[in-house]
Amino acid sequence: MDALHIKKQKLEDYLKELGSVAVAFSSGVDSTFLLKTAKEVLKDKVIAITAKSCSFPGRELKEATAFCEKEGIKQIVVESEELSIEGFRENPKNRCYLCKHELFTKLKEVAGENGMAYVVEGSNLDDNGDYRPGLKAIAELDIKSPLRYADLTKDDIRLLSKEMDLPTWDKPSFACLASRFVYGETISEKKLKMVEEAEQFLLDLGFKQVRVRIHGNIARIEVLPAELTRLAGEDIREKVYSSFKRLGFDYVTMDLAGYRTGSMNETLSGEERNNA
């Protein structure tokens, strides 16, 4: 058995030890792989819980529901309105902690009501290296992270997902829409909708991995470095500009560094990351 499948076996053994689980399911690469593996191992002792909110695009909710229906997995959709959490709208550096603490507290209650022993979530080994205040809330609430436990990286999960014929094996990475706001800028439902529609427009144009970061009424577009030239082409550039202006952006810019995860964290000092 090669190293990758040793990790997969470690994951399966860990899920068996847990006995029954509620998977925090967003339809992303990681949570889809985790849910599918849990279903194979635990059969009817697994449910999916998906949080519906204004920071979660409608397309992702539809994909989550379609996957659960196809796989015969019980799915519970819960309302989780982050904007009602005290302090969240102000977008502090620990915003993700505030959100995850509220969300997973709710998920634990739903899991208990449905006879599930544990809530599990899909962070992977690569997440240990980034600024992730949400992991603090996960630890405090004793939420289990099977993929990190099994030392699975994002690349590992994509390879195993392809082997399992999961439709998400090459799906672009996604993070909640609130992560598009510069720290300290007020998050509103209106601006979340602007970001969602702007990113959907870019996806509809065929760009594979996109982020539309929002700075006031300025849109900062990130696409893969290989796609920067296409974005800057006259035909595409004019379409994007006019569309974004209709959505309410005053200025539309392109980030020359291209897409990368957590670009809003680049302004944080090491001390800020540690204290948040």
C-alpha atoms as a PDB file:
ATOM      1  CA  MET A   1       0.000   0.000   0.000  1.00  0.00           C
ATOM      2  CA  ASP A   2       1.508   3.367  -1.008  1.00  0.00           C
ATOM      3  CA  ALA A   3       1.764   6.394   1.274  1.00  0.00           C
ATOM      4  CA  LEU A   4      -1.425   7.990  -0.071  1.00  0.00           C
ATOM      5  CA  HIS A   5      -3.564   4.941   0.621  1.00  0.00           C
ATOM      6  CA  ILE A   6      -2.006   4.513   4.051  1.00  0.00           C
ATOM      7  CA  LYS A   7      -3.370   7.976   4.827  1.00  0.00           C
ATOM      8  CA  LYS A   8      -6.766   6.986   3.427  1.00  0.00           C
ATOM      9  CA  GLN A   9      -6.792   3.913   5.659  1.00  0.00           C
ATOM     10  CA  LYS A  10      -5.870   6.056   8.657  1.00  0.00           C
ATOM     11  CA  LEU A  11      -8.850   8.291   7.856  1.00  0.00           C
ATOM     12  CA  GLU A  12     -11.226   5.339   7.561  1.00  0.00           C
ATOM     13  CA  ASP A  13     -10.005   3.809  10.825  1.00  0.00           C
ATOM     14  CA  TYR A  14     -10.481   7.123  12.609  1.00  0.00           C
ATOM     15  CA  LEU A  15     -14.034   7.503  11.314  1.00  0.00           C
ATOM     16  CA  LYS A  16     -14.807   3.981  12.507  1.00  0.00           C
ATOM     17  CA  GLU A  17     -13.571   4.947  15.974  1.00  0.00           C
ATOM     18  CA  LEU A  18     -15.902   7.947  16.029  1.00  0.00           C
ATOM     19  CA  GLY A  19     -18.864   5.661  15.319  1.00  0.00           C
ATOM     20  CA  SER A  20     -21.331   8.215  13.970  1.00  0.00           C
ATOM     21  CA  VAL A  21     -20.760  11.678  12.566  1.00  0.00           C
ATOM     22  CA  ALA A  22     -22.423  14.805  11.264  1.00  0.00           C
ATOM     23  CA  VAL A  23     -20.285  16.248   8.468  1.00  0.00           C
ATOM     24  CA  ALA A  24     -20.152  20.021   8.064  1.00  0.00           C
ATOM     25  CA  PHE A  25     -20.768  19.932   4.332  1.00  0.00           C
ATOM     26  CA  SER A  26     -20.188  22.820   1.951  1.00  0.00           C
ATOM     27  CA  SER A  27     -19.821  20.871  -1.336  1.00  0.00           C
ATOM     28  CA  GLY A  28     -16.154  21.860  -1.544  1.00  0.00           C
ATOM     29  CA  VAL A  29     -13.280  19.530  -2.410  1.00  0.00           C
ATOM     30  CA  ASP A  30     -12.450  18.612   1.186  1.00  0.00           C
ATOM     31  CA  SER A  31     -15.900  18.237   2.704  1.00  0.00           C
ATOM     32  CA  THR A  32     -17.177  16.237  -0.290  1.00  0.00           C
ATOM     33  CA  PHE A  33     -14.301  13.770   0.012  1.00  0.00           C
ATOM     34  CA  LEU A  34     -14.821  13.540   3.773  1.00  0.00           C
ATOM     35  CA  LEU A  35     -18.575  13.002   3.439  1.00  0.00           C
ATOM     36  CA  LYS A  36     -18.209  10.344   0.751  1.00  0.00           C
ATOM     37  CA  THR A  37     -15.579   8.465   2.791  1.00  0.00           C
ATOM     38  CA  ALA A  38     -17.690   8.697   5.949  1.00  0.00           C
ATOM     39  CA  LYS A  39     -20.684   7.330   4.042  1.00  0.00           C
ATOM     40  CA  GLU A  40     -18.644   4.372   2.788  1.00  0.00           C
ATOM     41  CA  VAL A  41     -17.323   3.612   6.269  1.00  0.00           C
ATOM     42  CA  LEU A  42     -20.312   4.419   8.504  1.00  0.00           C
ATOM     43  CA  LYS A  43     -23.240   3.743   6.144  1.00  0.00           C
ATOM     44  CA  ASP A  44     -26.383   5.187   7.774  1.00  0.00           C
ATOM     45  CA  LYS A  45     -24.470   6.558  10.759  1.00  0.00           C
ATOM     46  CA  VAL A  46     -23.587   9.749   8.920  1.00  0.00           C
ATOM     47  CA  ILE A  47     -25.531  12.887   8.068  1.00  0.00           C
ATOM     48  CA  ALA A  48     -24.558  16.084   6.256  1.00  0.00           C
ATOM     49  CA  ILE A  49     -25.265  19.514   7.708  1.00  0.00           C
ATOM     50  CA  THR A  50     -25.059  22.473   5.349  1.00  0.00           C
ATOM     51  CA  ALA A  51     -25.220  26.070   6.569  1.00  0.00           C
ATOM     52  CA  LYS A  52     -27.258  28.469   4.446  1.00  0.00           C
ATOM     53  CA  SER A  53     -26.278  32.127   4.711  1.00  0.00           C
ATOM     54  CA  CYS A  54     -25.661  35.254   2.659  1.00  0.00           C
ATOM     55  CA  SER A  55     -21.923  34.473   2.605  1.00  0.00           C
ATOM     56  CA  PHE A  56     -22.537  31.072   1.001  1.00  0.00           C
ATOM     57  CA  PRO A  57     -23.304  31.280  -2.740  1.00  0.00           C
ATOM     58  CA  GLY A  58     -26.510  29.716  -3.970  1.00  0.00           C
ATOM     59  CA  ARG A  59     -24.615  27.581  -6.508  1.00  0.00           C
ATOM     60  CA  GLU A  60     -22.701  25.881  -3.677  1.00  0.00           C
ATOM     61  CA  LEU A  61     -25.900  25.080  -1.776  1.00  0.00           C
ATOM     62  CA  LYS A  62     -27.446  23.562  -4.918  1.00  0.00           C
ATOM     63  CA  GLU A  63     -24.359  21.413  -5.486  1.00  0.00           C
ATOM     64  CA  ALA A  64     -24.386  20.253  -1.863  1.00  0.00           C
ATOM     65  CA  THR A  65     -28.033  19.246  -2.054  1.00  0.00           C
ATOM     66  CA  ALA A  66     -27.602  17.476  -5.394  1.00  0.00           C
ATOM     67  CA  PHE A  67     -24.638  15.461  -4.079  1.00  0.00           C
ATOM     68  CA  CYS A  68     -26.508  14.300  -0.978  1.00  0.00           C
ATOM     69  CA  GLU A  69     -29.523  13.275  -3.050  1.00  0.00           C
ATOM     70  CA  LYS A  70     -27.329  11.323  -5.463  1.00  0.00           C
ATOM     71  CA  GLU A  71     -25.456   9.537  -2.652  1.00  0.00           C
ATOM     72  CA  GLY A  72     -28.532   8.885  -0.509  1.00  0.00           C
ATOM     73  CA  ILE A  73     -27.188  10.898   2.405  1.00  0.00           C
ATOM     74  CA  LYS A  74     -29.517  12.668   4.823  1.00  0.00           C
ATOM     75  CA  GLN A  75     -28.859  16.389   4.609  1.00  0.00           C
ATOM     76  CA  ILE A  76     -29.998  19.024   7.060  1.00  0.00           C
ATOM     77  CA  VAL A  77     -29.811  22.665   5.962  1.00  0.00           C
ATOM     78  CA  VAL A  78     -29.534  25.122   8.829  1.00  0.00           C
ATOM     79  CA  GLU A  79     -29.867  28.883   8.738  1.00  0.00           C
ATOM     80  CA  SER A  80     -26.661  30.524   9.911  1.00  0.00           C
ATOM     81  CA  GLU A  81     -26.791  34.268   9.482  1.00  0.00           C
ATOM     82  CA  GLU A  82     -23.322  35.545  10.266  1.00  0.00           C
ATOM     83  CA  LEU A  83     -24.361  39.182  10.062  1.00  0.00           C
ATOM     84  CA  SER A  84     -26.378  38.736  13.252  1.00  0.00           C
ATOM     85  CA  ILE A  85     -23.299  37.664  15.241  1.00  0.00           C
ATOM     86  CA  GLU A  86     -22.099  40.440  17.516  1.00  0.00           C
ATOM     87  CA  GLY A  87     -18.991  42.034  16.051  1.00  0.00           C
ATOM     88  CA  PHE A  88     -19.033  40.110  12.764  1.00  0.00           C
ATOM     89  CA  ARG A  89     -20.199  42.988  10.550  1.00  0.00           C
ATOM     90  CA  GLU A  90     -17.217  45.064  11.655  1.00  0.00           C
ATOM     91  CA  ASN A  91     -14.947  42.404  10.126  1.00  0.00           C
ATOM     92  CA  PRO A  92     -12.313  42.132  12.863  1.00  0.00           C
ATOM     93  CA  LYS A  93      -9.195  40.021  12.370  1.00  0.00           C
ATOM     94  CA  ASN A  94     -10.839  37.185  14.332  1.00  0.00           C
ATOM     95  CA  ARG A  95     -13.998  37.284  12.187  1.00  0.00           C
ATOM     96  CA  CYS A  96     -13.618  33.638  11.232  1.00  0.00           C
ATOM     97  CA  TYR A  97     -13.403  32.650  14.889  1.00  0.00           C
ATOM     98  CA  LEU A  98     -16.668  34.445  15.682  1.00  0.00           C
ATOM     99  CA  CYS A  99     -18.412  32.777  12.761  1.00  0.00           C
ATOM    100  CA  LYS A 100     -17.086  29.253  13.328  1.00  0.00           C
ATOM    101  CA  HIS A 101     -17.871  29.354  17.045  1.00  0.00           C
ATOM    102  CA  GLU A 102     -21.494  30.308  16.387  1.00  0.00           C
ATOM    103  CA  LEU A 103     -21.859  27.884  13.471  1.00  0.00           C
ATOM    104  CA  PHE A 104     -20.346  24.806  15.090  1.00  0.00           C
ATOM    105  CA  THR A 105     -22.220  25.374  18.328  1.00  0.00           C
ATOM    106  CA  LYS A 106     -25.383  25.149  16.240  1.00  0.00           C
ATOM    107  CA  LEU A 107     -24.098  22.110  14.326  1.00  0.00           C
ATOM    108  CA  LYS A 108     -23.339  20.269  17.560  1.00  0.00           C
ATOM    109  CA  GLU A 109     -26.933  20.802  18.696  1.00  0.00           C
ATOM    110  CA  VAL A 110     -28.304  19.514  15.369  1.00  0.00           C
ATOM    111  CA  ALA A 111     -25.965  16.515  15.453  1.00  0.00           C
ATOM    112  CA  GLY A 112     -27.099  15.596  18.960  1.00  0.00           C
ATOM    113  CA  GLU A 113     -30.749  15.901  18.003  1.00  0.00           C
ATOM    114  CA  ASN A 114     -30.109  13.420  15.184  1.00  0.00           C
ATOM    115  CA  GLY A 115     -28.200  10.903  17.275  1.00  0.00           C
ATOM    116  CA  MET A 116     -24.739  11.650  15.877  1.00  0.00           C
ATOM    117  CA  ALA A 117     -21.855  11.361  18.341  1.00  0.00           C
ATOM    118  CA  TYR A 118     -19.515  13.899  16.717  1.00  0.00           C
ATOM    119  CA  VAL A 119     -19.371  16.792  14.307  1.00  0.00           C
ATOM    120  CA  VAL A 120     -16.527  16.566  11.795  1.00  0.00           C
ATOM    121  CA  GLU A 121     -15.214  19.229   9.440  1.00  0.00           C
ATOM    122  CA  GLY A 122     -12.998  19.257   6.383  1.00  0.00           C
ATOM    123  CA  SER A 123      -9.858  21.275   7.132  1.00  0.00           C
ATOM    124  CA  ASN A 124      -6.756  19.564   5.791  1.00  0.00           C
ATOM    125  CA  LEU A 125      -3.067  19.517   6.679  1.00  0.00           C
ATOM    126  CA  ASP A 126      -2.295  22.529   4.489  1.00  0.00           C
ATOM    127  CA  ASP A 127      -4.614  24.669   6.605  1.00  0.00           C
ATOM    128  CA  ASN A 128      -2.166  24.427   9.505  1.00  0.00           C
ATOM    129  CA  GLY A 129       0.192  26.747   7.650  1.00  0.00           C
ATOM    130  CA  ASP A 130      -2.173  29.671   7.037  1.00  0.00           C
ATOM    131  CA  TYR A 131      -3.861  32.207   9.315  1.00  0.00           C
ATOM    132  CA  ARG A 132      -6.986  30.278  10.346  1.00  0.00           C
ATOM    133  CA  PRO A 133      -8.604  31.680  13.506  1.00  0.00           C
ATOM    134  CA  GLY A 134     -11.593  29.416  12.843  1.00  0.00           C
ATOM    135  CA  LEU A 135      -9.460  26.437  13.868  1.00  0.00           C
ATOM    136  CA  LYS A 136      -9.330  27.872  17.379  1.00  0.00           C
ATOM    137  CA  ALA A 137     -13.136  27.666  17.634  1.00  0.00           C
ATOM    138  CA  ILE A 138     -13.062  24.137  16.241  1.00  0.00           C
ATOM    139  CA  ALA A 139     -10.609  23.075  18.926  1.00  0.00           C
ATOM    140  CA  GLU A 140     -12.585  24.760  21.721  1.00  0.00           C
ATOM    141  CA  LEU A 141     -15.807  23.007  20.721  1.00  0.00           C
ATOM    142  CA  ASP A 142     -14.160  19.583  20.259  1.00  0.00           C
ATOM    143  CA  ILE A 143     -15.076  19.430  16.590  1.00  0.00           C
ATOM    144  CA  LYS A 144     -13.138  16.649  14.899  1.00  0.00           C
ATOM    145  CA  SER A 145     -10.893  17.217  11.873  1.00  0.00           C
ATOM    146  CA  PRO A 146     -10.356  13.759  10.333  1.00  0.00           C
ATOM    147  CA  LEU A 147      -8.436  14.961   7.281  1.00  0.00           C
ATOM    148  CA  ARG A 148      -5.844  16.730   9.399  1.00  0.00           C
ATOM    149  CA  TYR A 149      -5.706  13.716  11.712  1.00  0.00           C
ATOM    150  CA  ALA A 150      -4.865  11.528   8.702  1.00  0.00           C
ATOM    151  CA  ASP A 151      -2.187  14.015   7.478  1.00  0.00           C
ATOM    152  CA  LEU A 152      -4.034  14.539   4.200  1.00  0.00           C
ATOM    153  CA  THR A 153      -3.036  17.556   2.111  1.00  0.00           C
ATOM    154  CA  LYS A 154      -5.186  19.275  -0.513  1.00  0.00           C
ATOM    155  CA  ASP A 155      -3.245  17.532  -3.297  1.00  0.00           C
ATOM    156  CA  ASP A 156      -3.765  14.168  -1.562  1.00  0.00           C
ATOM    157  CA  ILE A 157      -7.497  14.800  -1.348  1.00  0.00           C
ATOM    158  CA  ARG A 158      -7.737  15.767  -5.020  1.00  0.00           C
ATOM    159  CA  LEU A 159      -5.882  12.608  -6.076  1.00  0.00           C
ATOM    160  CA  LEU A 160      -8.057  10.363  -3.911  1.00  0.00           C
ATOM    161  CA  SER A 161     -11.199  12.179  -5.045  1.00  0.00           C
ATOM    162  CA  LYS A 162     -10.261  11.551  -8.679  1.00  0.00           C
ATOM    163  CA  GLU A 163      -9.671   7.896  -7.876  1.00  0.00           C
ATOM    164  CA  MET A 164     -13.131   7.764  -6.252  1.00  0.00           C
ATOM    165  CA  ASP A 165     -14.674   9.484  -9.302  1.00  0.00           C
ATOM    166  CA  LEU A 166     -15.906  12.440  -7.259  1.00  0.00           C
ATOM    167  CA  PRO A 167     -16.982  15.438  -9.358  1.00  0.00           C
ATOM    168  CA  THR A 168     -15.116  17.794  -7.029  1.00  0.00           C
ATOM    169  CA  TRP A 169     -11.626  16.364  -7.594  1.00  0.00           C
ATOM    170  CA  ASP A 170     -10.636  19.362  -9.736  1.00  0.00           C
ATOM    171  CA  LYS A 171     -13.142  21.860  -8.362  1.00  0.00           C
ATOM    172  CA  PRO A 172     -11.628  25.294  -7.641  1.00  0.00           C
ATOM    173  CA  SER A 173     -10.961  26.104  -3.999  1.00  0.00           C
ATOM    174  CA  PHE A 174     -13.611  28.197  -2.279  1.00  0.00           C
ATOM    175  CA  ALA A 175     -13.863  30.216   0.911  1.00  0.00           C
ATOM    176  CA  CYS A 176     -16.850  32.082   2.332  1.00  0.00           C
ATOM    177  CA  LEU A 177     -17.614  35.406   0.688  1.00  0.00           C
ATOM    178  CA  ALA A 178     -16.812  37.325   3.877  1.00  0.00           C
ATOM    179  CA  SER A 179     -13.152  36.513   3.253  1.00  0.00           C
ATOM    180  CA  ARG A 180     -13.234  38.917   0.283  1.00  0.00           C
ATOM    181  CA  PHE A 181     -13.433  41.971   2.583  1.00  0.00           C
ATOM    182  CA  VAL A 182     -10.384  43.828   3.860  1.00  0.00           C
ATOM    183  CA  TYR A 183     -10.202  43.621   7.662  1.00  0.00           C
ATOM    184  CA  GLY A 184     -12.024  46.475   9.359  1.00  0.00           C
ATOM    185  CA  GLU A 185     -14.389  47.136   6.463  1.00  0.00           C
ATOM    186  CA  THR A 186     -18.066  46.680   7.278  1.00  0.00           C
ATOM    187  CA  ILE A 187     -19.614  43.562   5.772  1.00  0.00           C
ATOM    188  CA  SER A 188     -23.113  44.057   4.394  1.00  0.00           C
ATOM    189  CA  GLU A 189     -25.573  41.797   2.636  1.00  0.00           C
ATOM    190  CA  LYS A 190     -25.538  44.144  -0.357  1.00  0.00           C
ATOM    191  CA  LYS A 191     -21.782  43.921  -0.803  1.00  0.00           C
ATOM    192  CA  LEU A 192     -21.764  40.149  -0.270  1.00  0.00           C
ATOM    193  CA  LYS A 193     -24.251  39.919  -3.130  1.00  0.00           C
ATOM    194  CA  MET A 194     -22.072  42.162  -5.291  1.00  0.00           C
ATOM    195  CA  VAL A 195     -19.093  39.872  -4.714  1.00  0.00           C
ATOM    196  CA  GLU A 196     -21.117  36.707  -5.367  1.00  0.00           C
ATOM    197  CA  GLU A 197     -22.502  38.011  -8.651  1.00  0.00           C
ATOM    198  CA  ALA A 198     -19.121  39.393  -9.755  1.00  0.00           C
ATOM    199  CA  GLU A 199     -17.391  36.064  -9.151  1.00  0.00           C
ATOM    200  CA  GLN A 200     -20.196  34.181 -10.882  1.00  0.00           C
ATOM    201  CA  PHE A 201     -19.783  36.444 -13.911  1.00  0.00           C
ATOM    202  CA  LEU A 202     -16.074  35.562 -14.117  1.00  0.00           C
ATOM    203  CA  LEU A 203     -16.827  31.859 -13.719  1.00  0.00           C
ATOM    204  CA  ASP A 204     -19.425  32.080 -16.488  1.00  0.00           C
ATOM    205  CA  LEU A 205     -16.728  33.593 -18.715  1.00  0.00           C
ATOM    206  CA  GLY A 206     -14.694  30.446 -18.189  1.00  0.00           C
ATOM    207  CA  PHE A 207     -12.146  31.562 -15.593  1.00  0.00           C
ATOM    208  CA  LYS A 208     -11.394  28.562 -13.417  1.00  0.00           C
ATOM    209  CA  GLN A 209     -10.211  29.992 -10.088  1.00  0.00           C
ATOM    210  CA  VAL A 210     -11.353  33.487  -9.124  1.00  0.00           C
ATOM    211  CA  ARG A 211     -11.607  35.873  -6.232  1.00  0.00           C
ATOM    212  CA  VAL A 212     -13.156  39.336  -6.240  1.00  0.00           C
ATOM    213  CA  ARG A 213     -11.705  41.147  -3.239  1.00  0.00           C
ATOM    214  CA  ILE A 214     -13.597  44.255  -2.163  1.00  0.00           C
ATOM    215  CA  HIS A 215     -11.957  47.438  -0.879  1.00  0.00           C
ATOM    216  CA  GLY A 216     -14.685  50.020  -0.317  1.00  0.00           C
ATOM    217  CA  ASN A 217     -16.272  50.195  -3.758  1.00  0.00           C
ATOM    218  CA  ILE A 218     -13.140  48.935  -5.525  1.00  0.00           C
ATOM    219  CA  ALA A 219     -13.086  45.407  -6.914  1.00  0.00           C
ATOM    220  CA  ARG A 220      -9.658  43.695  -6.960  1.00  0.00           C
ATOM    221  CA  ILE A 221      -9.849  40.684  -9.264  1.00  0.00           C
ATOM    222  CA  GLU A 222      -7.626  37.648  -8.756  1.00  0.00           C
ATOM    223  CA  VAL A 223      -7.444  34.948 -11.423  1.00  0.00           C
ATOM    224  CA  LEU A 224      -4.815  32.290 -12.023  1.00  0.00           C
ATOM    225  CA  PRO A 225      -1.543  33.844 -13.287  1.00  0.00           C
ATOM    226  CA  ALA A 226      -1.902  31.937 -16.561  1.00  0.00           C
ATOM    227  CA  GLU A 227      -5.265  33.662 -17.144  1.00  0.00           C
ATOM    228  CA  LEU A 228      -4.149  37.244 -16.477  1.00  0.00           C
ATOM    229  CA  THR A 229      -3.491  37.900 -20.160  1.00  0.00           C
ATOM    230  CA  ARG A 230      -6.972  36.723 -21.103  1.00  0.00           C
ATOM    231  CA  LEU A 231      -8.567  38.915 -18.424  1.00  0.00           C
ATOM    232  CA  ALA A 232      -6.659  41.921 -19.745  1.00  0.00           C
ATOM    233  CA  GLY A 233      -7.703  41.265 -23.341  1.00  0.00           C
ATOM    234  CA  GLU A 234      -9.841  44.075 -24.701  1.00  0.00           C
ATOM    235  CA  ASP A 235     -13.030  42.066 -25.271  1.00  0.00           C
ATOM    236  CA  ILE A 236     -13.040  40.383 -21.836  1.00  0.00           C
ATOM    237  CA  ARG A 237     -11.789  43.489 -20.033  1.00  0.00           C
ATOM    238  CA  GLU A 238     -14.637  45.621 -21.354  1.00  0.00           C
ATOM    239  CA  LYS A 239     -17.250  42.979 -20.486  1.00  0.00           C
ATOM    240  CA  VAL A 240     -15.927  42.626 -16.940  1.00  0.00           C
ATOM    241  CA  TYR A 241     -15.690  46.367 -16.416  1.00  0.00           C
ATOM    242  CA  SER A 242     -19.209  47.131 -17.602  1.00  0.00           C
ATOM    243  CA  SER A 243     -20.691  44.214 -15.662  1.00  0.00           C
ATOM    244  CA  PHE A 244     -18.935  45.152 -12.420  1.00  0.00           C
ATOM    245  CA  LYS A 245     -20.003  48.769 -12.813  1.00  0.00           C
ATOM    246  CA  ARG A 246     -23.630  47.616 -13.126  1.00  0.00           C
ATOM    247  CA  LEU A 247     -23.201  45.632  -9.901  1.00  0.00           C
ATOM    248  CA  GLY A 248     -22.193  48.807  -8.065  1.00  0.00           C
ATOM    249  CA  PHE A 249     -18.395  48.908  -8.107  1.00  0.00           C
ATOM    250  CA  ASP A 250     -16.859  52.340  -8.750  1.00  0.00           C
ATOM    251  CA  TYR A 251     -13.481  50.996  -9.840  1.00  0.00           C
ATOM    252  CA  VAL A 252     -12.424  47.597 -11.219  1.00  0.00           C
ATOM    253  CA  THR A 253      -8.804  46.462 -10.862  1.00  0.00           C
ATOM    254  CA  MET A 254      -6.729  43.358 -11.652  1.00  0.00           C
ATOM    255  CA  ASP A 255      -4.254  41.961  -9.111  1.00  0.00           C
ATOM    256  CA  LEU A 256      -1.022  41.355 -11.040  1.00  0.00           C
ATOM    257  CA  ALA A 257       0.119  38.701  -8.547  1.00  0.00           C
ATOM    258  CA  GLY A 258      -2.840  36.549  -9.546  1.00  0.00           C
ATOM    259  CA  TYR A 259      -4.940  34.245  -7.394  1.00  0.00           C
ATOM    260  CA  ARG A 260      -3.614  33.016  -4.059  1.00  0.00           C
ATOM    261  CA  THR A 261      -5.373  31.898  -0.904  1.00  0.00           C
ATOM    262  CA  GLY A 262      -5.674  34.299   2.008  1.00  0.00           C
ATOM    263  CA  SER A 263      -4.418  37.413   0.232  1.00  0.00           C
ATOM    264  CA  MET A 264      -6.306  39.570   2.737  1.00  0.00           C
ATOM    265  CA  ASN A 265      -4.012  38.134   5.431  1.00  0.00           C
ATOM    266  CA  GLU A 266      -0.880  39.513   3.774  1.00  0.00           C
ATOM    267  CA  THR A 267      -1.217  42.785   5.678  1.00  0.00           C
ATOM    268  CA  LEU A 268      -1.284  41.060   9.092  1.00  0.00           C
ATOM    269  CA  SER A 269       1.859  40.977  11.182  1.00  0.00           C
ATOM    270  CA  GLY A 270       3.003  37.795  12.897  1.00  0.00           C
ATOM    271  CA  GLU A 271       1.880  39.218  16.227  1.00  0.00           C
ATOM    272  CA  GLU A 272      -1.595  39.998  14.903  1.00  0.00           C
ATOM    273  CA  ARG A 273      -1.928  36.444  13.570  1.00  0.00           C
ATOM    274  CA  ASN A 274      -0.929  34.971  16.904  1.00  0.00           C
ATOM    275  CA  ASN A 275      -3.188  37.200  19.014  1.00  0.00           C
ATOM    276  CA  ALA A 276      -6.366  37.048  16.931  1.00  0.00           C
END
